[in-house]
Amino acid sequence: MLNISICDDDTAVCQQLSDYILRFEEETGQKMQATIFSSGAELLSDYPCATDILLLDIEMGSPNGIETAQRLRLTVPDLCIIFITGYNQYAVKGYSVRAFGFLPKPVSYLTFRNELTLAIEQLQRRSSQSSRRLSGL
């Protein structure tokens, strides 16, 4: 099961991404669980440690998405973060927190599916590399 957290202060975007996750699950057979947060503060106070992928809006109240990602990186350095933004100028700042990718608003399903597929492939590579290292001990 893949655990995805969505953090966006726009409930319509959260609903759209949840619907996209269900559609992706139906198309691929990949089991997923989505958890929704409406602010960076809510996410930080109740962070689900089992999160595999975080879909994080950049432009939110305090803390914004970049600040939220900076705080998460202190305790979860390998978290796969995909930023959601309507502001392309934030992409450069996203690299400072090692974002995996970006979804431009409005988010199309095709863009979402492609980005999520790449993220899942990255997680699978990490997992297989970890398994090989452990078996070599």
C-alpha atoms as a PDB file:
ATOM      1  CA  MET A   1       0.000   0.000   0.000  1.00  0.00           C
ATOM      2  CA  LEU A   2       1.271   3.421  -0.968  1.00  0.00           C
ATOM      3  CA  ASN A   3       0.487   6.239   1.473  1.00  0.00           C
ATOM      4  CA  ILE A   4       0.008   9.670  -0.084  1.00  0.00           C
ATOM      5  CA  SER A   5      -0.553  12.858   1.895  1.00  0.00           C
ATOM      6  CA  ILE A   6      -2.142  15.870   0.230  1.00  0.00           C
ATOM      7  CA  CYS A   7      -1.618  19.300   1.783  1.00  0.00           C
ATOM      8  CA  ASP A   8      -3.447  22.198   0.133  1.00  0.00           C
ATOM      9  CA  ASP A   9      -5.627  24.959   1.556  1.00  0.00           C
ATOM     10  CA  ASP A  10      -7.980  24.727  -1.448  1.00  0.00           C
ATOM     11  CA  THR A  11     -10.566  22.020  -0.752  1.00  0.00           C
ATOM     12  CA  ALA A  12     -11.405  21.741  -4.466  1.00  0.00           C
ATOM     13  CA  VAL A  13      -7.772  20.905  -5.269  1.00  0.00           C
ATOM     14  CA  CYS A  14      -7.681  18.340  -2.457  1.00  0.00           C
ATOM     15  CA  GLN A  15     -10.830  16.703  -3.823  1.00  0.00           C
ATOM     16  CA  GLN A  16      -9.469  16.726  -7.374  1.00  0.00           C
ATOM     17  CA  LEU A  17      -6.187  15.098  -6.282  1.00  0.00           C
ATOM     18  CA  SER A  18      -8.088  12.511  -4.217  1.00  0.00           C
ATOM     19  CA  ASP A  19     -10.169  11.688  -7.296  1.00  0.00           C
ATOM     20  CA  TYR A  20      -6.993  11.426  -9.377  1.00  0.00           C
ATOM     21  CA  ILE A  21      -5.504   9.016  -6.834  1.00  0.00           C
ATOM     22  CA  LEU A  22      -8.605   6.797  -7.059  1.00  0.00           C
ATOM     23  CA  ARG A  23      -8.476   6.901 -10.857  1.00  0.00           C
ATOM     24  CA  PHE A  24      -4.755   6.042 -10.864  1.00  0.00           C
ATOM     25  CA  GLU A  25      -5.431   3.178  -8.447  1.00  0.00           C
ATOM     26  CA  GLU A  26      -8.166   1.797 -10.707  1.00  0.00           C
ATOM     27  CA  GLU A  27      -5.990   2.075 -13.817  1.00  0.00           C
ATOM     28  CA  THR A  28      -2.850   0.540 -12.330  1.00  0.00           C
ATOM     29  CA  GLY A  29      -4.041  -1.732  -9.543  1.00  0.00           C
ATOM     30  CA  GLN A  30      -1.615   0.067  -7.188  1.00  0.00           C
ATOM     31  CA  LYS A  31      -3.225   0.191  -3.735  1.00  0.00           C
ATOM     32  CA  MET A  32      -3.153   3.679  -2.233  1.00  0.00           C
ATOM     33  CA  GLN A  33      -4.300   5.479   0.875  1.00  0.00           C
ATOM     34  CA  ALA A  34      -4.742   9.263   0.795  1.00  0.00           C
ATOM     35  CA  THR A  35      -4.694  11.593   3.795  1.00  0.00           C
ATOM     36  CA  ILE A  36      -5.680  15.239   3.400  1.00  0.00           C
ATOM     37  CA  PHE A  37      -4.360  18.263   5.298  1.00  0.00           C
ATOM     38  CA  SER A  38      -5.629  21.814   4.805  1.00  0.00           C
ATOM     39  CA  SER A  39      -2.511  23.642   6.014  1.00  0.00           C
ATOM     40  CA  GLY A  40       1.187  23.221   6.636  1.00  0.00           C
ATOM     41  CA  ALA A  41       0.577  23.676  10.360  1.00  0.00           C
ATOM     42  CA  GLU A  42      -1.967  20.829  10.393  1.00  0.00           C
ATOM     43  CA  LEU A  43       0.405  18.566   8.461  1.00  0.00           C
ATOM     44  CA  LEU A  44       3.336  19.309  10.767  1.00  0.00           C
ATOM     45  CA  SER A  45       1.296  18.770  13.936  1.00  0.00           C
ATOM     46  CA  ASP A  46      -0.195  15.468  12.769  1.00  0.00           C
ATOM     47  CA  TYR A  47       2.386  14.177  10.257  1.00  0.00           C
ATOM     48  CA  PRO A  48       1.694  10.554   9.299  1.00  0.00           C
ATOM     49  CA  CYS A  49       5.112   8.892   9.407  1.00  0.00           C
ATOM     50  CA  ALA A  50       4.040   6.250   6.933  1.00  0.00           C
ATOM     51  CA  THR A  51       3.743   8.846   4.137  1.00  0.00           C
ATOM     52  CA  ASP A  52       5.497   7.720   0.964  1.00  0.00           C
ATOM     53  CA  ILE A  53       4.622  10.710  -1.227  1.00  0.00           C
ATOM     54  CA  LEU A  54       3.587  14.211  -0.168  1.00  0.00           C
ATOM     55  CA  LEU A  55       1.631  16.417  -2.579  1.00  0.00           C
ATOM     56  CA  LEU A  56       2.298  19.854  -1.098  1.00  0.00           C
ATOM     57  CA  ASP A  57       0.884  23.222  -2.128  1.00  0.00           C
ATOM     58  CA  ILE A  58       3.480  25.992  -2.025  1.00  0.00           C
ATOM     59  CA  GLU A  59       1.265  29.058  -1.691  1.00  0.00           C
ATOM     60  CA  MET A  60      -0.512  28.643   1.656  1.00  0.00           C
ATOM     61  CA  GLY A  61      -0.659  30.627   4.876  1.00  0.00           C
ATOM     62  CA  SER A  62       2.106  30.368   7.420  1.00  0.00           C
ATOM     63  CA  PRO A  63       3.921  28.091   7.182  1.00  0.00           C
ATOM     64  CA  ASN A  64       3.843  28.000   3.392  1.00  0.00           C
ATOM     65  CA  GLY A  65       4.767  24.857   1.470  1.00  0.00           C
ATOM     66  CA  ILE A  66       8.482  25.631   1.268  1.00  0.00           C
ATOM     67  CA  GLU A  67       8.683  26.284   5.018  1.00  0.00           C
ATOM     68  CA  THR A  68       6.672  23.130   5.708  1.00  0.00           C
ATOM     69  CA  ALA A  69       9.032  21.086   3.514  1.00  0.00           C
ATOM     70  CA  GLN A  70      12.080  22.579   5.250  1.00  0.00           C
ATOM     71  CA  ARG A  71      10.737  21.477   8.640  1.00  0.00           C
ATOM     72  CA  LEU A  72       9.839  18.008   7.368  1.00  0.00           C
ATOM     73  CA  ARG A  73      13.312  17.534   5.866  1.00  0.00           C
ATOM     74  CA  LEU A  74      14.793  17.809   9.375  1.00  0.00           C
ATOM     75  CA  THR A  75      13.091  14.582  10.431  1.00  0.00           C
ATOM     76  CA  VAL A  76      12.167  12.907   7.120  1.00  0.00           C
ATOM     77  CA  PRO A  77      15.116  13.546   4.786  1.00  0.00           C
ATOM     78  CA  ASP A  78      14.056  11.029   2.109  1.00  0.00           C
ATOM     79  CA  LEU A  79      10.379  11.973   1.816  1.00  0.00           C
ATOM     80  CA  CYS A  80       9.222  12.203  -1.798  1.00  0.00           C
ATOM     81  CA  ILE A  81       7.750  15.723  -2.077  1.00  0.00           C
ATOM     82  CA  ILE A  82       5.839  16.839  -5.147  1.00  0.00           C
ATOM     83  CA  PHE A  83       4.937  20.513  -5.019  1.00  0.00           C
ATOM     84  CA  ILE A  84       1.647  21.814  -6.362  1.00  0.00           C
ATOM     85  CA  THR A  85       1.761  25.418  -7.485  1.00  0.00           C
ATOM     86  CA  GLY A  86       0.196  27.993  -9.713  1.00  0.00           C
ATOM     87  CA  TYR A  87       3.364  30.067  -9.477  1.00  0.00           C
ATOM     88  CA  ASN A  88       6.250  28.821 -11.603  1.00  0.00           C
ATOM     89  CA  GLN A  89       8.706  31.188  -9.901  1.00  0.00           C
ATOM     90  CA  TYR A  90       8.532  28.964  -6.808  1.00  0.00           C
ATOM     91  CA  ALA A  91      10.072  26.026  -8.679  1.00  0.00           C
ATOM     92  CA  VAL A  92      13.597  27.272  -7.957  1.00  0.00           C
ATOM     93  CA  LYS A  93      12.870  27.476  -4.221  1.00  0.00           C
ATOM     94  CA  GLY A  94      11.519  23.927  -4.359  1.00  0.00           C
ATOM     95  CA  TYR A  95      14.927  22.622  -5.282  1.00  0.00           C
ATOM     96  CA  SER A  96      16.323  23.995  -2.018  1.00  0.00           C
ATOM     97  CA  VAL A  97      14.272  21.350  -0.200  1.00  0.00           C
ATOM     98  CA  ARG A  98      15.032  18.625  -2.757  1.00  0.00           C
ATOM     99  CA  ALA A  99      11.542  18.443  -4.246  1.00  0.00           C
ATOM    100  CA  PHE A 100      10.997  15.398  -6.424  1.00  0.00           C
ATOM    101  CA  GLY A 101       8.729  17.234  -8.837  1.00  0.00           C
ATOM    102  CA  PHE A 102       6.109  19.874  -9.501  1.00  0.00           C
ATOM    103  CA  LEU A 103       2.478  19.834 -10.534  1.00  0.00           C
ATOM    104  CA  PRO A 104       1.355  23.124 -12.079  1.00  0.00           C
ATOM    105  CA  LYS A 105      -2.139  24.351 -11.211  1.00  0.00           C
ATOM    106  CA  PRO A 106      -4.591  23.667 -12.623  1.00  0.00           C
ATOM    107  CA  VAL A 107      -3.446  20.055 -12.360  1.00  0.00           C
ATOM    108  CA  SER A 108      -4.341  17.854 -15.305  1.00  0.00           C
ATOM    109  CA  TYR A 109      -4.777  14.136 -14.796  1.00  0.00           C
ATOM    110  CA  LEU A 110      -2.143  13.315 -17.419  1.00  0.00           C
ATOM    111  CA  THR A 111       0.483  15.462 -15.667  1.00  0.00           C
ATOM    112  CA  PHE A 112      -0.512  13.993 -12.297  1.00  0.00           C
ATOM    113  CA  ARG A 113      -0.323  10.417 -13.596  1.00  0.00           C
ATOM    114  CA  ASN A 114       3.095  10.957 -15.176  1.00  0.00           C
ATOM    115  CA  GLU A 115       4.557  12.599 -12.061  1.00  0.00           C
ATOM    116  CA  LEU A 116       3.096   9.968  -9.727  1.00  0.00           C
ATOM    117  CA  THR A 117       4.399   7.159 -11.940  1.00  0.00           C
ATOM    118  CA  LEU A 118       7.922   8.623 -11.809  1.00  0.00           C
ATOM    119  CA  ALA A 119       7.704   9.026  -8.031  1.00  0.00           C
ATOM    120  CA  ILE A 120       6.571   5.417  -7.552  1.00  0.00           C
ATOM    121  CA  GLU A 121       9.403   4.174  -9.771  1.00  0.00           C
ATOM    122  CA  GLN A 122      11.878   6.196  -7.683  1.00  0.00           C
ATOM    123  CA  LEU A 123      10.487   4.717  -4.445  1.00  0.00           C
ATOM    124  CA  GLN A 124      10.742   1.203  -5.882  1.00  0.00           C
ATOM    125  CA  ARG A 125      14.376   1.783  -6.902  1.00  0.00           C
ATOM    126  CA  ARG A 126      15.206   3.051  -3.412  1.00  0.00           C
ATOM    127  CA  SER A 127      13.518   0.045  -1.864  1.00  0.00           C
ATOM    128  CA  SER A 128      15.359  -2.452  -4.057  1.00  0.00           C
ATOM    129  CA  GLN A 129      18.706  -0.719  -3.425  1.00  0.00           C
ATOM    130  CA  SER A 130      18.095  -0.854   0.328  1.00  0.00           C
ATOM    131  CA  SER A 131      17.210  -4.548   0.094  1.00  0.00           C
ATOM    132  CA  ARG A 132      20.391  -5.306  -1.843  1.00  0.00           C
ATOM    133  CA  ARG A 133      22.525  -3.418   0.693  1.00  0.00           C
ATOM    134  CA  LEU A 134      20.916  -5.255   3.604  1.00  0.00           C
ATOM    135  CA  SER A 135      21.317  -8.661   1.988  1.00  0.00           C
ATOM    136  CA  GLY A 136      25.009  -7.944   1.378  1.00  0.00           C
ATOM    137  CA  LEU A 137      25.728  -7.519   5.109  1.00  0.00           C
END
